Amino acid sequence: MKKIVIVIFVTSCLFSCKKENEDVSSTESVSNPETGYLHGKFLVNEGNFGSSNASLSYVNNAGEIINDVYLQENGFELGDLLQSFEVIGERGYAVLNNSEKLVIIDLKSMHFQDEITGIDYPRYLINVGNGKAYLSSGAMAGQVYVIDLNTNSITGSIPVGQGPEKMIKLGNYVYVCNSGGWSLDNTVSVIDIATSSVVATIIVGDRPMDVVADMQGYVWVMCSGNDSWMTGGETLASLHRISSTTNDVVTSEVIGEAGEHPKFIAASASGDKVYFEDAGIRVIDLTVEEPVDAILLNETIGSLDIDFTNGDIWISSVSDFVNPSSVRCYSSNGSLKSTFEAGIGTNAVVFN
């Protein structure tokens, strides 16, 4: 693999004894009667496509887990294929891809509040402030819907690239990864929040999938590379660092090998460390004088998220979309802390 020019940080992989967390069947024993589900972690379980068995698992701050928490509290399923989940204030927003809807949940009670339906291929939601959120959408020619969080309604849309995926807000702008979806793309759209319009389009690598910001105000984009079945065939994954001041790509490096298509990148709360998938998990420490990337965890992953409260690393195993997922929590130095059995197809962990 080619090394990232900017960074190399040598971190040893330390592993402690495995801690198993039992599934607690009663929601009352896990949630706080005063605050409900406002504080804890949500394991986002995609479910099996077409089976309408998407679910949420909830882990409280004591490390107790309850699976199917939404079903238990409401008596009905979330829907088909939970693409993503976002917490804004005291509400949770579940993006159901195949059900083509956005479900709004009261996190104190975990009860259904409202929904926005008829959204074509919804992907990810992000809070942009002042009662407004953006929702990426589209299997090919894409758009970002403008959501009014007060009325739970769509108030507009912003044309972007093909197959928009994850987004990040940095200052007054939102950076959108245009993955290509069922087509091809290699761009990042930059949206001015004040005008809800695209003000720049940045060329990166093939199939940009994930994006974070670091402590220095740079935007990092993980590009997965095109798969062999796509037009033009196989291309390698790459990692790009963009200046948020000029929107120029300042560094760009190929990662991985042919046939490998990493798609996850994450950052610590302060942005001093950047973690990314590449034959495991690699870490970059931006606080050292000459940082370099080095392997932290040597395992195949199905998701990668960093707890903003303590720097813990949460990953899931690659799902077969039939059996429950294994979700593991590591300390920031790579020591295993906890293991959970979640729902089917865990694709993210969301912290609140």
Foldseek 3Di string as FASTA:
>chain_A
DDWFQQFADDFEAAADDADEADADADLPVFADLVQAQQAFKWFWFFFFAPPQATAIWTAHPVGHIHARPLCVLEVDGPGHTFQDWDDDPQWIWTCHFVQAKIWIARRRRSYTDDMDHDHARWHDKDDQDPQWIWIWHAQFFIWIFIARNVVRDTDDIEGDGTCWHDWDDDPQWIWIFRQRRLAWDAWIFIARNVVRYTDDIAGAAIGWHDWDAALVQKIKTWHQFDDQVYVVGTDFIKIWIAHPVVRYTPTIDTAEDTPGGWHDKEAELNRQKIWGDGQAIWMWGNPDPRRIIDHQGRDDFQEWYADNVARKIKTWHQFPSPAWIKIWIAHNSNYTDHIYGYHGHRRYMDGD
